[in-house]
N, C-alpha and C. Protein backbone atom coordinates (compact mmCIF):
# COMPACT_ATOMS: atom_id res chain seq x y z
N MET A 1 6.56 15.85 -10.79
CA MET A 1 7.37 14.87 -10.43
C MET A 1 5.90 13.49 -10.04
N LYS A 2 5.61 13.07 -10.44
CA LYS A 2 4.46 11.95 -10.42
C LYS A 2 5.46 11.32 -9.12
N ARG A 3 3.95 11.49 -7.53
CA ARG A 3 4.11 10.70 -6.36
C ARG A 3 3.91 9.68 -6.13
N LEU A 4 4.28 8.65 -5.40
CA LEU A 4 3.82 7.13 -4.95
C LEU A 4 3.69 7.40 -3.56
N LEU A 5 2.50 6.96 -3.11
CA LEU A 5 2.55 6.92 -1.45
C LEU A 5 2.47 5.37 -1.01
N ILE A 6 3.30 5.12 0.14
CA ILE A 6 3.09 4.04 0.66
C ILE A 6 2.74 4.23 1.83
N VAL A 7 1.49 3.66 2.50
CA VAL A 7 0.70 3.80 3.10
C VAL A 7 0.88 2.62 4.63
N TYR A 8 0.91 2.47 5.55
CA TYR A 8 1.43 1.30 6.23
C TYR A 8 0.73 1.25 7.97
N HIS A 9 0.70 -0.25 8.50
CA HIS A 9 0.56 0.45 9.91
C HIS A 9 1.34 -0.96 10.46
N THR A 10 1.95 -0.82 11.24
CA THR A 10 2.97 -1.74 12.32
C THR A 10 3.02 -1.55 13.86
N GLN A 11 2.82 -3.24 14.42
CA GLN A 11 2.62 -3.05 15.79
C GLN A 11 4.35 -3.41 15.99
N SER A 12 4.51 -4.94 15.51
CA SER A 12 5.36 -5.87 15.52
C SER A 12 6.73 -5.23 15.16
N GLY A 13 6.57 -4.49 14.10
CA GLY A 13 7.76 -3.92 13.47
C GLY A 13 7.75 -4.87 11.63
N ARG A 14 7.63 -5.78 11.79
CA ARG A 14 6.74 -6.90 10.46
C ARG A 14 6.79 -5.88 8.93
N THR A 15 5.51 -5.29 9.34
CA THR A 15 5.18 -4.65 7.99
C THR A 15 5.43 -3.39 7.90
N GLN A 16 6.28 -2.59 9.02
CA GLN A 16 7.42 -1.57 8.34
C GLN A 16 8.34 -1.59 7.87
N ARG A 17 9.31 -3.22 8.41
CA ARG A 17 10.43 -3.40 7.17
C ARG A 17 10.45 -3.66 5.55
N LEU A 18 8.59 -4.29 5.53
CA LEU A 18 8.16 -4.35 4.39
C LEU A 18 7.95 -3.58 3.53
N ALA A 19 7.24 -2.56 4.60
CA ALA A 19 7.20 -0.95 3.82
C ALA A 19 8.28 -0.24 3.68
N GLU A 20 9.06 -0.13 4.14
CA GLU A 20 10.86 0.24 4.17
C GLU A 20 11.77 -0.59 2.87
N ALA A 21 11.07 -1.88 3.05
CA ALA A 21 11.38 -2.53 1.76
C ALA A 21 11.17 -2.04 0.30
N ALA A 22 9.65 -1.60 0.44
CA ALA A 22 9.01 -0.88 -0.75
C ALA A 22 9.17 0.43 -0.92
N LEU A 23 10.05 1.13 -0.07
CA LEU A 23 10.61 2.09 -0.55
C LEU A 23 11.94 2.48 -0.79
N ALA A 24 12.49 1.27 -0.63
CA ALA A 24 14.10 1.20 -0.93
C ALA A 24 14.13 1.01 -2.36
N GLY A 25 12.37 -0.08 -3.34
CA GLY A 25 12.96 0.10 -4.78
C GLY A 25 12.29 1.07 -4.80
N ALA A 26 10.93 1.62 -4.83
CA ALA A 26 10.36 2.99 -5.59
C ALA A 26 11.37 3.80 -5.64
N ARG A 27 12.39 4.33 -4.31
CA ARG A 27 13.09 4.97 -4.24
C ARG A 27 14.48 4.87 -5.83
N GLU A 28 14.60 3.55 -6.56
CA GLU A 28 15.31 3.24 -6.82
C GLU A 28 15.12 4.21 -8.72
N ILE A 29 13.63 4.64 -8.60
CA ILE A 29 13.32 5.22 -9.57
C ILE A 29 13.20 6.44 -9.23
N ASP A 30 14.31 7.32 -10.09
CA ASP A 30 14.75 8.42 -10.12
C ASP A 30 13.25 10.05 -10.34
N ASP A 31 12.79 9.51 -10.78
CA ASP A 31 11.88 10.86 -11.25
C ASP A 31 10.36 10.46 -10.83
N VAL A 32 10.61 9.62 -9.53
CA VAL A 32 9.34 9.51 -8.91
C VAL A 32 9.47 9.91 -7.52
N SER A 33 8.76 10.77 -6.51
CA SER A 33 8.87 11.09 -5.21
C SER A 33 8.31 10.15 -4.67
N SER A 34 8.99 9.42 -3.57
CA SER A 34 8.06 8.67 -3.03
C SER A 34 8.67 8.58 -1.83
N VAL A 35 6.59 8.20 -0.78
CA VAL A 35 7.26 8.29 0.39
C VAL A 35 6.26 7.83 1.62
N LEU A 36 6.59 7.38 2.50
CA LEU A 36 6.40 6.51 3.29
C LEU A 36 5.98 6.77 4.41
N GLN A 37 4.57 6.42 4.76
CA GLN A 37 4.03 7.05 5.65
C GLN A 37 2.80 6.23 6.60
N ARG A 38 2.63 6.40 8.10
CA ARG A 38 1.90 5.75 8.85
C ARG A 38 0.69 5.94 8.53
N ALA A 39 -0.16 5.03 8.56
CA ALA A 39 -1.95 5.10 8.43
C ALA A 39 -2.67 6.53 8.93
N PHE A 40 -2.52 5.71 10.22
CA PHE A 40 -3.11 6.93 11.08
C PHE A 40 -2.64 8.73 11.23
N ALA A 41 -1.49 8.86 10.30
CA ALA A 41 -1.08 10.31 9.90
C ALA A 41 -1.41 10.39 8.67
N THR A 42 -1.75 9.65 8.06
CA THR A 42 -1.89 9.85 6.22
C THR A 42 -3.07 10.74 6.17
N THR A 43 -3.68 11.65 5.60
CA THR A 43 -4.78 12.86 5.93
C THR A 43 -5.68 12.37 3.80
N LEU A 44 -7.05 13.00 3.78
CA LEU A 44 -7.30 12.76 2.69
C LEU A 44 -6.52 13.63 1.73
N ASP A 45 -6.11 14.80 1.65
CA ASP A 45 -5.02 15.35 1.00
C ASP A 45 -3.91 14.48 0.79
N ASP A 46 -3.74 13.81 1.16
CA ASP A 46 -1.86 12.72 0.98
C ASP A 46 -3.05 11.99 0.32
N LEU A 47 -3.88 11.15 0.13
CA LEU A 47 -4.45 10.18 -0.50
C LEU A 47 -4.71 11.09 -1.64
N LEU A 48 -5.79 12.31 -2.06
CA LEU A 48 -5.66 12.84 -3.13
C LEU A 48 -4.42 13.79 -4.27
N ASP A 49 -3.28 13.72 -2.98
CA ASP A 49 -2.16 13.93 -3.96
C ASP A 49 -1.19 13.29 -4.53
N ALA A 50 -1.57 11.59 -4.20
CA ALA A 50 -0.72 10.33 -4.47
C ALA A 50 -1.11 10.26 -6.02
N ASP A 51 0.25 9.51 -6.91
CA ASP A 51 -0.76 9.11 -8.70
C ASP A 51 -0.71 7.80 -8.21
N ALA A 52 -0.08 6.94 -6.76
CA ALA A 52 -0.57 5.82 -7.07
C ALA A 52 0.10 5.52 -5.15
N LEU A 53 -0.60 4.42 -4.93
CA LEU A 53 -0.67 4.02 -3.75
C LEU A 53 -0.22 2.09 -3.41
N LEU A 54 0.31 2.64 -2.58
CA LEU A 54 0.75 1.21 -1.52
C LEU A 54 0.69 1.03 0.01
N LEU A 55 -0.10 0.13 -0.42
CA LEU A 55 -1.46 -0.22 1.02
C LEU A 55 -0.53 -1.41 1.78
N GLY A 56 0.09 -1.11 3.07
CA GLY A 56 0.53 -2.22 3.88
C GLY A 56 -0.20 -2.09 5.31
N THR A 57 -0.70 -3.59 5.50
CA THR A 57 -1.08 -4.10 6.69
C THR A 57 -0.49 -5.05 7.34
N PRO A 58 -0.64 -5.05 9.16
CA PRO A 58 -0.52 -6.40 9.63
C PRO A 58 -2.18 -7.51 9.59
N GLU A 59 -2.19 -8.75 9.01
CA GLU A 59 -3.29 -9.34 9.24
C GLU A 59 -3.94 -9.55 11.12
N ASN A 60 -4.75 -8.87 11.51
CA ASN A 60 -4.94 -9.14 12.97
C ASN A 60 -6.45 -9.72 13.01
N PHE A 61 -6.69 -11.00 13.45
CA PHE A 61 -8.00 -11.38 13.47
C PHE A 61 -8.30 -11.56 12.21
N GLY A 62 -7.74 -12.09 11.10
CA GLY A 62 -8.36 -12.24 9.67
C GLY A 62 -8.26 -10.70 9.12
N THR A 63 -8.23 -9.72 9.56
CA THR A 63 -8.45 -8.65 9.22
C THR A 63 -7.58 -7.33 8.84
N MET A 64 -7.63 -6.76 8.01
CA MET A 64 -6.84 -5.60 8.42
C MET A 64 -6.54 -4.70 9.73
N SER A 65 -5.67 -4.10 9.42
CA SER A 65 -4.95 -3.12 10.81
C SER A 65 -6.31 -2.42 10.93
N GLY A 66 -6.82 -2.22 12.24
CA GLY A 66 -7.35 -0.63 12.85
C GLY A 66 -7.17 0.90 12.04
N ALA A 67 -5.47 1.14 12.09
CA ALA A 67 -5.10 2.23 11.95
C ALA A 67 -5.46 1.82 10.15
N LEU A 68 -5.87 0.79 9.25
CA LEU A 68 -5.71 1.08 7.60
C LEU A 68 -7.05 1.43 7.66
N LYS A 69 -8.00 1.08 8.33
CA LYS A 69 -9.88 1.07 8.54
C LYS A 69 -9.81 2.71 8.91
N ASP A 70 -9.34 3.02 9.91
CA ASP A 70 -9.13 3.86 10.00
C ASP A 70 -9.36 5.42 9.39
N LEU A 71 -8.00 5.36 8.48
CA LEU A 71 -8.24 5.86 7.20
C LEU A 71 -9.01 5.79 6.18
N PHE A 72 -9.32 4.55 5.92
CA PHE A 72 -10.30 4.17 5.14
C PHE A 72 -12.05 5.35 5.63
N ASP A 73 -12.06 4.50 6.51
CA ASP A 73 -13.45 5.73 7.06
C ASP A 73 -13.59 7.32 7.51
N ARG A 74 -12.07 7.30 7.10
CA ARG A 74 -12.00 9.00 7.43
C ARG A 74 -12.43 9.81 6.16
N THR A 75 -11.79 9.06 5.22
CA THR A 75 -11.24 9.32 3.81
C THR A 75 -12.41 9.20 2.28
N TYR A 76 -13.18 7.80 2.68
CA TYR A 76 -14.19 7.40 1.74
C TYR A 76 -15.20 8.68 1.55
N GLU A 77 -15.65 8.82 2.39
CA GLU A 77 -16.77 9.54 1.35
C GLU A 77 -16.51 10.97 1.07
N PRO A 78 -15.42 11.87 1.50
CA PRO A 78 -14.90 13.12 1.18
C PRO A 78 -14.29 12.70 -0.29
N ALA A 79 -13.77 11.45 -0.43
CA ALA A 79 -12.81 11.08 -1.83
C ALA A 79 -13.95 10.31 -2.90
N ALA A 80 -14.81 10.72 -2.41
CA ALA A 80 -15.84 9.40 -3.95
C ALA A 80 -15.89 10.80 -4.90
N GLY A 81 -15.73 9.89 -6.16
CA GLY A 81 -15.68 10.45 -7.11
C GLY A 81 -14.07 11.13 -7.58
N LYS A 82 -13.21 10.88 -6.87
CA LYS A 82 -12.22 12.03 -6.50
C LYS A 82 -11.16 11.02 -7.53
N MET A 83 -11.19 9.54 -7.47
CA MET A 83 -9.75 8.95 -7.37
C MET A 83 -9.93 7.61 -8.03
N GLU A 84 -10.86 7.96 -8.61
CA GLU A 84 -11.04 6.67 -10.11
C GLU A 84 -10.22 6.23 -11.15
N GLY A 85 -9.52 5.21 -11.10
CA GLY A 85 -8.55 4.65 -11.74
C GLY A 85 -7.31 4.80 -11.05
N ARG A 86 -6.92 5.11 -9.96
CA ARG A 86 -5.72 5.48 -9.31
C ARG A 86 -4.94 3.95 -8.98
N PRO A 87 -4.09 3.92 -9.62
CA PRO A 87 -3.28 3.13 -9.44
C PRO A 87 -2.77 2.30 -7.86
N TYR A 88 -3.13 1.01 -7.73
CA TYR A 88 -2.87 0.70 -6.28
C TYR A 88 -2.33 -0.93 -5.60
N ALA A 89 -1.30 -1.15 -4.61
CA ALA A 89 -1.07 -2.50 -4.64
C ALA A 89 -1.05 -2.69 -3.15
N VAL A 90 -1.19 -4.01 -3.00
CA VAL A 90 -1.09 -4.01 -1.38
C VAL A 90 -0.31 -5.16 -0.96
N PHE A 91 0.29 -4.65 0.55
CA PHE A 91 0.87 -6.10 0.97
C PHE A 91 0.49 -6.12 2.37
N VAL A 92 0.60 -7.41 2.96
CA VAL A 92 0.24 -8.16 3.79
C VAL A 92 1.18 -8.96 4.39
N SER A 93 1.34 -8.41 6.19
CA SER A 93 2.00 -9.42 7.21
C SER A 93 1.02 -10.15 7.65
N ALA A 94 1.03 -11.59 7.70
CA ALA A 94 0.45 -12.29 8.54
C ALA A 94 1.02 -13.03 9.27
N GLY A 95 0.47 -14.15 10.42
CA GLY A 95 0.92 -14.47 10.98
C GLY A 95 0.55 -15.99 10.18
N ASN A 96 -0.48 -16.38 9.75
CA ASN A 96 -0.71 -17.26 8.87
C ASN A 96 -1.24 -17.13 7.48
N ASP A 97 -2.26 -16.48 7.68
CA ASP A 97 -3.02 -16.73 5.89
C ASP A 97 -2.56 -15.24 5.47
N GLY A 98 -3.68 -14.35 5.64
CA GLY A 98 -3.62 -12.90 5.36
C GLY A 98 -4.39 -12.46 3.99
N ARG A 99 -5.35 -13.54 3.68
CA ARG A 99 -6.23 -13.10 2.69
C ARG A 99 -7.23 -12.22 3.14
N GLY A 100 -7.81 -12.53 4.30
CA GLY A 100 -8.79 -11.80 5.12
C GLY A 100 -8.42 -10.69 4.81
N ALA A 101 -7.33 -9.89 4.98
CA ALA A 101 -7.11 -8.77 5.20
C ALA A 101 -7.00 -8.08 3.80
N GLN A 102 -6.27 -9.00 2.89
CA GLN A 102 -6.31 -8.75 1.28
C GLN A 102 -7.19 -8.13 0.43
N ALA A 103 -8.24 -9.17 0.79
CA ALA A 103 -9.47 -9.17 0.49
C ALA A 103 -10.53 -8.25 1.20
N GLN A 104 -10.49 -7.78 2.14
CA GLN A 104 -11.10 -6.37 2.37
C GLN A 104 -10.15 -5.13 2.06
N ILE A 105 -8.91 -5.29 2.05
CA ILE A 105 -8.38 -3.64 1.54
C ILE A 105 -8.81 -3.43 -0.20
N GLU A 106 -8.86 -5.00 -0.98
CA GLU A 106 -9.06 -5.36 -2.20
C GLU A 106 -11.61 -4.22 -2.25
N ARG A 107 -11.66 -4.78 -2.06
CA ARG A 107 -12.74 -4.56 -1.38
C ARG A 107 -13.08 -3.22 -1.49
N ILE A 108 -12.45 -2.52 -0.64
CA ILE A 108 -13.16 -1.49 -0.62
C ILE A 108 -12.05 -0.42 -1.26
N ALA A 109 -10.83 -0.84 -1.63
CA ALA A 109 -10.66 -0.32 -3.03
C ALA A 109 -11.55 0.05 -3.88
N THR A 110 -12.19 -0.87 -4.76
CA THR A 110 -13.09 -0.69 -5.63
C THR A 110 -13.87 0.16 -5.40
N GLY A 111 -14.36 0.54 -4.25
CA GLY A 111 -16.07 1.15 -4.17
C GLY A 111 -14.49 2.68 -4.51
N TYR A 112 -13.45 3.40 -3.97
CA TYR A 112 -12.66 3.90 -4.51
C TYR A 112 -12.68 4.59 -5.35
N GLY A 113 -12.97 3.35 -6.27
CA GLY A 113 -12.31 3.43 -7.60
C GLY A 113 -11.04 3.03 -7.91
N TRP A 114 -10.14 2.59 -7.63
CA TRP A 114 -8.45 2.34 -7.38
C TRP A 114 -8.90 1.12 -8.32
N LYS A 115 -7.29 1.06 -8.96
CA LYS A 115 -7.05 0.02 -10.33
C LYS A 115 -6.05 -0.83 -9.32
N ALA A 116 -6.14 -1.90 -9.48
CA ALA A 116 -5.15 -2.96 -9.03
C ALA A 116 -3.91 -3.11 -10.10
N VAL A 117 -2.75 -3.19 -9.77
CA VAL A 117 -1.93 -2.79 -10.94
C VAL A 117 -0.92 -4.25 -10.82
N ALA A 118 -0.57 -4.58 -9.33
CA ALA A 118 -0.05 -5.87 -9.21
C ALA A 118 -0.31 -6.45 -8.09
N PRO A 119 0.13 -7.77 -8.16
CA PRO A 119 -0.57 -8.97 -7.53
C PRO A 119 -0.42 -8.28 -5.73
N ALA A 120 -0.69 -8.61 -4.88
CA ALA A 120 -0.53 -8.54 -3.61
C ALA A 120 1.13 -9.33 -2.74
N HIS A 121 1.63 -9.11 -1.92
CA HIS A 121 2.65 -10.27 -1.77
C HIS A 121 1.92 -10.14 -0.29
N ILE A 122 1.84 -10.88 0.19
CA ILE A 122 1.40 -11.77 2.09
C ILE A 122 2.77 -12.61 2.24
N ALA A 123 3.30 -11.67 3.28
CA ALA A 123 4.57 -12.31 4.24
C ALA A 123 4.18 -12.89 5.42
N ARG A 124 3.82 -14.80 5.06
CA ARG A 124 3.56 -15.30 6.24
C ARG A 124 4.35 -15.38 7.02
N GLY A 125 3.65 -15.72 8.68
CA GLY A 125 4.99 -16.22 9.67
C GLY A 125 6.11 -14.54 9.55
N GLU A 126 7.86 -14.61 10.57
CA GLU A 126 8.46 -14.09 9.78
C GLU A 126 9.24 -13.64 8.70
N VAL A 127 9.28 -12.10 8.68
CA VAL A 127 9.55 -11.61 7.51
C VAL A 127 11.08 -12.26 7.02
N GLY A 128 11.11 -12.34 5.39
CA GLY A 128 12.44 -13.14 5.00
C GLY A 128 12.85 -12.13 4.25
N ALA A 129 14.34 -12.61 3.90
CA ALA A 129 14.59 -12.39 2.52
C ALA A 129 13.98 -12.26 1.15
N SER A 130 13.14 -13.26 1.34
CA SER A 130 12.29 -13.43 -0.31
C SER A 130 10.73 -12.02 0.03
N ASP A 131 10.09 -12.09 1.19
CA ASP A 131 9.65 -11.02 1.58
C ASP A 131 10.04 -9.53 1.41
N LEU A 132 11.30 -9.60 1.91
CA LEU A 132 11.84 -7.84 1.51
C LEU A 132 11.94 -7.80 0.46
N ASP A 133 12.58 -8.83 -1.03
CA ASP A 133 12.61 -8.48 -1.86
C ASP A 133 11.53 -8.82 -3.41
N ALA A 134 10.30 -9.01 -2.28
CA ALA A 134 8.74 -8.74 -3.55
C ALA A 134 8.51 -7.58 -3.03
N CYS A 135 8.52 -7.29 -1.68
CA CYS A 135 8.10 -5.72 -0.98
C CYS A 135 9.26 -4.64 -2.32
N ARG A 136 10.50 -4.82 -2.18
CA ARG A 136 11.17 -4.00 -3.09
C ARG A 136 10.89 -4.01 -4.21
N GLU A 137 10.39 -5.36 -4.78
CA GLU A 137 9.84 -5.38 -5.79
C GLU A 137 8.57 -4.78 -6.60
N LEU A 138 7.71 -4.99 -5.45
CA LEU A 138 6.55 -3.97 -5.59
C LEU A 138 6.43 -2.56 -5.67
N GLY A 139 7.36 -2.32 -4.81
CA GLY A 139 7.65 -0.75 -5.03
C GLY A 139 8.52 0.23 -6.05
N ALA A 140 9.03 -0.69 -6.70
CA ALA A 140 9.90 -0.34 -7.95
C ALA A 140 8.82 -0.52 -9.34
N THR A 141 8.05 -1.75 -9.00
CA THR A 141 7.04 -1.88 -9.69
C THR A 141 6.03 -0.31 -9.97
N LEU A 142 5.42 -0.39 -9.23
CA LEU A 142 4.48 1.17 -9.12
C LEU A 142 5.09 2.12 -9.50
N ALA A 143 6.47 2.86 -9.11
CA ALA A 143 7.38 3.56 -9.10
C ALA A 143 7.37 3.91 -10.75
N ALA A 144 8.24 2.71 -10.62
CA ALA A 144 8.53 2.55 -12.79
C ALA A 144 6.64 2.73 -13.91
N GLY A 145 6.12 2.03 -13.12
CA GLY A 145 4.56 2.52 -14.20
C GLY A 145 4.24 3.91 -13.97
N LEU A 146 4.58 4.54 -12.75
CA LEU A 146 4.22 6.33 -12.68
C LEU A 146 5.54 6.63 -13.68
N SER A 147 6.53 6.16 -13.96
CA SER A 147 7.71 7.00 -14.25
C SER A 147 7.44 6.78 -15.96
N ILE A 148 6.94 5.45 -16.63
CA ILE A 148 6.86 6.07 -17.53
C ILE A 148 5.30 6.05 -18.30
N GLY A 149 4.60 6.22 -17.30
CA GLY A 149 3.10 6.60 -17.38
C GLY A 149 2.14 5.14 -18.07
N ALA A 150 2.39 3.82 -17.88
CA ALA A 150 1.73 2.53 -17.73
C ALA A 150 0.61 2.53 -17.30
N PHE A 151 0.60 3.86 -15.62
CA PHE A 151 -1.02 3.71 -15.17
C PHE A 151 -1.22 5.36 -14.74
């Protein structure tokens, strides 16, 4: 069974709400195992075992969370050459802009050799129903893509 790993960090709970919506969408696809995990708890093996990744972070001072950066710091070198072409997407909870966090994650993902397969979603301000719907769709899209072998 294909595996979608949704990795996130939250302090306020907003990014967790987005992550849970993504998980709900992903679980609509029966033949994909979808797992929700906090960034600090995620290991190199978790990344290597995933067939696709969905990465969620709050934007803190114009950048991704320290927890997601910590995951990248711990796994980047050991993962070198082992994850080329891995499909991924991003969601960001931002007080106002969110593009700084998105750009940094995308830059690091390029270094891993990952392939963006869906546009990032940035929830600006309070998380609303449209943000939850967008993340639900993002989770479903990645899981469906795995299910049909699109990536």
